[in-house]
Amino acid sequence: MSEDLSVAAYEADMWAQVEVLAAKRAEIDRLEAELERLQTEILPMKPAAGDAVRRYGAALSIAEQPVPEGTIRKLYWGNRDVPADAIAKAFGLGGAGVVHRFAGDADFEVECPGRCGRGVQLTARTVKVKRCTECEAAWEADLVRSSEEHAQRLEARRAKFGSWAEQQLALGRSAADLYVESLSEPDERLLRLRELERKIWHMRQVDEI
């Protein structure tokens, strides 16, 4: 049994790492709950929107006016929460299939979710709208840049830690002692310390010879 290894330090680090993970999970749960709340709020809005469409269709019929060009297409492709059958009943189209024929193919343009002001083409009525090419490229570039910066910071910390650890090991301190003193990345750090400890030991053996 190693006398210089503090199990309490390992336990403290374990709980610290678990708490960070738990905090992130709590944030995800909060966002999911918010999404669920918004989805619940939108449910009663759908019938109201359908009624408004039907009233407009009835008004056009009474006034003996044709449905303005592009209205069915905009309702169908630009407002996926308006049921196709509600559109069909409002304008006397006979069914959802007829609505689809009037609406045309899925090349309707909507605003990019990235809020850049550009337009993006819908590929299907029930598919989530994707970011434009420029926003997608910017998002991927940010992700790559963030990963590279993280890797650079990690490498810098490793180099600094390696230099300090090598000096401490040369003074006779054990790897376990240094590990407990500087808990941050347990598994990788302990392996690095063991490697340095063996390196110092071999150097001392050569000096003794």
Protein backbone atom coordinates (compact mmCIF):
# COMPACT_ATOMS: atom_id res chain seq x y z
CA MET A 1 0.00 0.00 0.00
CA SER A 2 1.35 3.42 -0.97
CA GLU A 3 1.64 5.67 2.06
CA ASP A 4 1.87 8.91 0.08
CA LEU A 5 -1.31 8.39 -1.98
CA SER A 6 -4.36 10.25 -0.68
CA VAL A 7 -7.58 8.49 -1.69
CA ALA A 8 -9.54 11.49 -0.46
CA ALA A 9 -8.02 13.61 -3.21
CA TYR A 10 -9.20 11.11 -5.84
CA GLU A 11 -12.69 11.17 -4.35
CA ALA A 12 -12.77 14.97 -4.36
CA ASP A 13 -11.74 15.05 -8.00
CA MET A 14 -14.33 12.42 -8.89
CA TRP A 15 -17.16 14.44 -7.38
CA ALA A 16 -15.89 17.64 -8.99
CA GLN A 17 -15.95 16.03 -12.44
CA VAL A 18 -19.38 14.46 -11.83
CA GLU A 19 -20.81 17.80 -10.70
CA VAL A 20 -19.63 19.50 -13.90
CA LEU A 21 -21.35 16.78 -15.92
CA ALA A 22 -24.50 17.03 -13.79
CA ALA A 23 -24.62 20.81 -14.31
CA LYS A 24 -24.49 20.35 -18.08
CA ARG A 25 -27.22 17.71 -17.92
CA ALA A 26 -29.36 20.07 -15.83
CA GLU A 27 -28.95 22.74 -18.53
CA ILE A 28 -30.05 20.27 -21.22
CA ASP A 29 -33.05 19.23 -19.10
CA ARG A 30 -34.00 22.90 -18.65
CA LEU A 31 -33.87 23.52 -22.41
CA GLU A 32 -35.88 20.37 -23.11
CA ALA A 33 -38.49 21.46 -20.58
CA GLU A 34 -38.68 24.87 -22.24
CA LEU A 35 -39.11 23.22 -25.65
CA GLU A 36 -41.85 20.98 -24.26
CA ARG A 37 -43.60 24.04 -22.80
CA LEU A 38 -43.49 25.87 -26.13
CA GLN A 39 -44.78 22.80 -27.96
CA THR A 40 -47.65 22.61 -25.50
CA GLU A 41 -48.47 26.29 -26.04
CA ILE A 42 -48.56 25.88 -29.81
CA LEU A 43 -51.18 23.09 -29.75
CA PRO A 44 -54.23 25.31 -29.07
CA MET A 45 -52.96 27.82 -31.63
CA LYS A 46 -53.30 25.35 -34.51
CA PRO A 47 -57.13 25.15 -34.47
CA ALA A 48 -57.33 28.95 -34.18
CA ALA A 49 -55.10 29.34 -37.24
CA GLY A 50 -57.18 26.78 -39.11
CA ASP A 51 -60.39 28.67 -38.25
CA ALA A 52 -58.84 31.94 -39.49
CA VAL A 53 -57.93 30.28 -42.80
CA ARG A 54 -61.46 28.92 -43.20
CA ARG A 55 -63.01 32.33 -42.43
CA TYR A 56 -60.80 33.93 -45.06
CA GLY A 57 -61.78 31.27 -47.59
CA ALA A 58 -65.45 31.83 -46.79
CA ALA A 59 -65.05 35.60 -47.18
CA LEU A 60 -63.47 35.15 -50.62
CA SER A 61 -66.31 32.84 -51.63
CA ILE A 62 -69.04 35.24 -50.47
CA ALA A 63 -67.33 38.14 -52.20
CA GLU A 64 -66.94 35.95 -55.30
CA GLN A 65 -63.24 36.71 -55.45
CA PRO A 66 -60.52 34.26 -56.54
CA VAL A 67 -57.88 33.06 -54.15
CA PRO A 68 -54.91 35.45 -54.55
CA GLU A 69 -52.00 33.93 -56.43
CA GLY A 70 -49.43 32.38 -54.11
CA THR A 71 -51.73 32.23 -51.07
CA ILE A 72 -52.07 28.44 -50.97
CA ARG A 73 -48.39 27.98 -51.70
CA LYS A 74 -47.38 30.35 -48.87
CA LEU A 75 -49.81 28.77 -46.42
CA TYR A 76 -48.63 25.26 -47.25
CA TRP A 77 -44.86 25.70 -47.43
CA GLY A 78 -44.36 28.72 -45.20
CA ASN A 79 -46.58 27.62 -42.30
CA ARG A 80 -46.17 23.93 -41.58
CA ASP A 81 -48.40 24.12 -38.49
CA VAL A 82 -51.43 25.00 -40.64
CA PRO A 83 -52.98 21.60 -41.51
CA ALA A 84 -53.26 20.81 -45.21
CA ASP A 85 -56.82 19.62 -44.74
CA ALA A 86 -57.76 23.00 -43.20
CA ILE A 87 -56.38 24.72 -46.30
CA ALA A 88 -58.31 22.31 -48.53
CA LYS A 89 -61.62 22.92 -46.72
CA ALA A 90 -61.12 26.70 -46.64
CA PHE A 91 -60.66 27.01 -50.38
CA GLY A 92 -62.77 24.08 -51.54
CA LEU A 93 -59.87 22.08 -52.92
CA GLY A 94 -61.21 18.63 -52.04
CA GLY A 95 -58.29 17.28 -50.01
CA ALA A 96 -54.68 17.54 -48.90
CA GLY A 97 -53.45 15.96 -52.14
CA VAL A 98 -55.06 18.71 -54.16
CA VAL A 99 -53.52 21.32 -51.87
CA HIS A 100 -50.10 19.85 -52.54
CA ARG A 101 -50.64 20.12 -56.29
CA PHE A 102 -51.65 23.76 -55.94
CA ALA A 103 -48.73 24.47 -53.60
CA GLY A 104 -46.18 23.08 -56.03
CA ASP A 105 -42.77 21.61 -55.34
CA ALA A 106 -40.72 22.24 -52.21
CA ASP A 107 -38.67 25.18 -53.43
CA PHE A 108 -40.29 27.76 -51.19
CA GLU A 109 -37.84 30.23 -49.66
CA VAL A 110 -37.85 31.10 -45.94
CA GLU A 111 -35.50 33.07 -43.71
CA CYS A 112 -32.27 31.35 -42.65
CA PRO A 113 -32.41 30.11 -39.01
CA GLY A 114 -28.96 31.68 -38.57
CA ARG A 115 -30.70 35.09 -38.74
CA CYS A 116 -28.25 36.34 -41.35
CA GLY A 117 -31.02 37.78 -43.51
CA ARG A 118 -30.46 35.29 -46.30
CA GLY A 119 -33.12 32.96 -47.65
CA VAL A 120 -32.99 29.16 -47.68
CA GLN A 121 -35.03 26.69 -49.68
CA LEU A 122 -37.37 24.28 -47.93
CA THR A 123 -36.79 20.66 -48.90
CA ALA A 124 -39.92 19.26 -47.24
CA ARG A 125 -42.82 20.63 -45.21
CA THR A 126 -42.09 18.56 -42.10
CA VAL A 127 -38.29 18.88 -42.12
CA LYS A 128 -36.49 21.36 -39.86
CA VAL A 129 -35.22 24.37 -41.79
CA LYS A 130 -31.44 24.19 -42.27
CA ARG A 131 -28.98 27.06 -42.10
CA CYS A 132 -27.78 28.63 -45.33
CA THR A 133 -24.44 27.56 -46.80
CA GLU A 134 -22.65 30.63 -45.43
CA CYS A 135 -24.00 30.20 -41.89
CA GLU A 136 -23.26 26.47 -41.94
CA ALA A 137 -19.67 27.14 -43.07
CA ALA A 138 -19.26 29.81 -40.35
CA TRP A 139 -20.62 27.41 -37.71
CA GLU A 140 -18.23 24.65 -38.79
CA ALA A 141 -15.31 27.12 -38.85
CA ASP A 142 -16.17 28.24 -35.31
CA LEU A 143 -16.31 24.61 -34.19
CA VAL A 144 -12.91 23.84 -35.76
CA ARG A 145 -11.38 27.01 -34.31
CA SER A 146 -12.76 26.22 -30.86
CA SER A 147 -11.36 22.67 -31.04
CA GLU A 148 -7.96 23.92 -32.18
CA GLU A 149 -7.81 26.54 -29.42
CA HIS A 150 -8.75 23.91 -26.86
CA ALA A 151 -6.04 21.58 -28.16
CA GLN A 152 -3.46 24.38 -28.01
CA ARG A 153 -4.40 25.27 -24.43
CA LEU A 154 -4.27 21.62 -23.44
CA GLU A 155 -0.86 21.15 -25.05
CA ALA A 156 0.47 24.26 -23.31
CA ARG A 157 -0.77 22.97 -19.95
CA ARG A 158 0.78 19.59 -20.60
CA ALA A 159 4.14 21.11 -21.51
CA LYS A 160 4.12 23.34 -18.42
CA PHE A 161 3.08 20.48 -16.19
CA GLY A 162 5.68 18.13 -17.71
CA SER A 163 8.50 20.59 -17.08
CA TRP A 164 7.42 21.20 -13.49
CA ALA A 165 6.86 17.49 -12.79
CA GLU A 166 10.24 16.52 -14.19
CA GLN A 167 11.94 19.02 -11.89
CA GLN A 168 10.00 17.75 -8.87
CA LEU A 169 10.70 14.10 -9.66
CA ALA A 170 14.40 14.90 -10.00
CA LEU A 171 14.23 16.22 -6.44
CA GLY A 172 13.00 12.83 -5.27
CA ARG A 173 9.25 13.34 -5.00
CA SER A 174 6.99 10.46 -6.06
CA ALA A 175 4.58 10.47 -8.99
CA ALA A 176 1.62 9.81 -6.67
CA ASP A 177 2.59 12.77 -4.50
CA LEU A 178 2.70 15.13 -7.49
CA TYR A 179 -0.50 13.70 -8.89
CA VAL A 180 -2.44 14.39 -5.73
CA GLU A 181 -1.03 17.91 -5.59
CA SER A 182 -2.12 18.81 -9.09
CA LEU A 183 -5.30 16.88 -9.88
CA SER A 184 -6.79 18.04 -13.18
CA GLU A 185 -6.76 15.24 -15.74
CA PRO A 186 -6.29 12.17 -13.50
CA ASP A 187 -5.70 9.20 -15.81
CA GLU A 188 -3.53 10.94 -18.39
CA ARG A 189 -1.64 12.96 -15.80
CA LEU A 190 -0.79 9.95 -13.66
CA LEU A 191 0.50 8.09 -16.72
CA ARG A 192 2.68 11.07 -17.62
CA LEU A 193 4.06 11.19 -14.09
CA ARG A 194 4.85 7.49 -14.14
CA GLU A 195 6.73 7.94 -17.42
CA LEU A 196 8.75 10.82 -15.99
CA GLU A 197 9.42 8.90 -12.80
CA ARG A 198 10.82 5.98 -14.81
CA LYS A 199 12.90 8.40 -16.89
CA ILE A 200 14.44 9.96 -13.75
CA TRP A 201 15.07 6.50 -12.26
CA HIS A 202 16.92 5.34 -15.40
CA MET A 203 18.96 8.55 -15.46
CA ARG A 204 20.01 7.94 -11.86
CA GLN A 205 20.95 4.34 -12.66
CA VAL A 206 23.20 5.55 -15.48
CA ASP A 207 24.83 8.14 -13.20
CA GLU A 208 25.55 5.49 -10.57
CA ILE A 209 27.24 3.28 -13.20
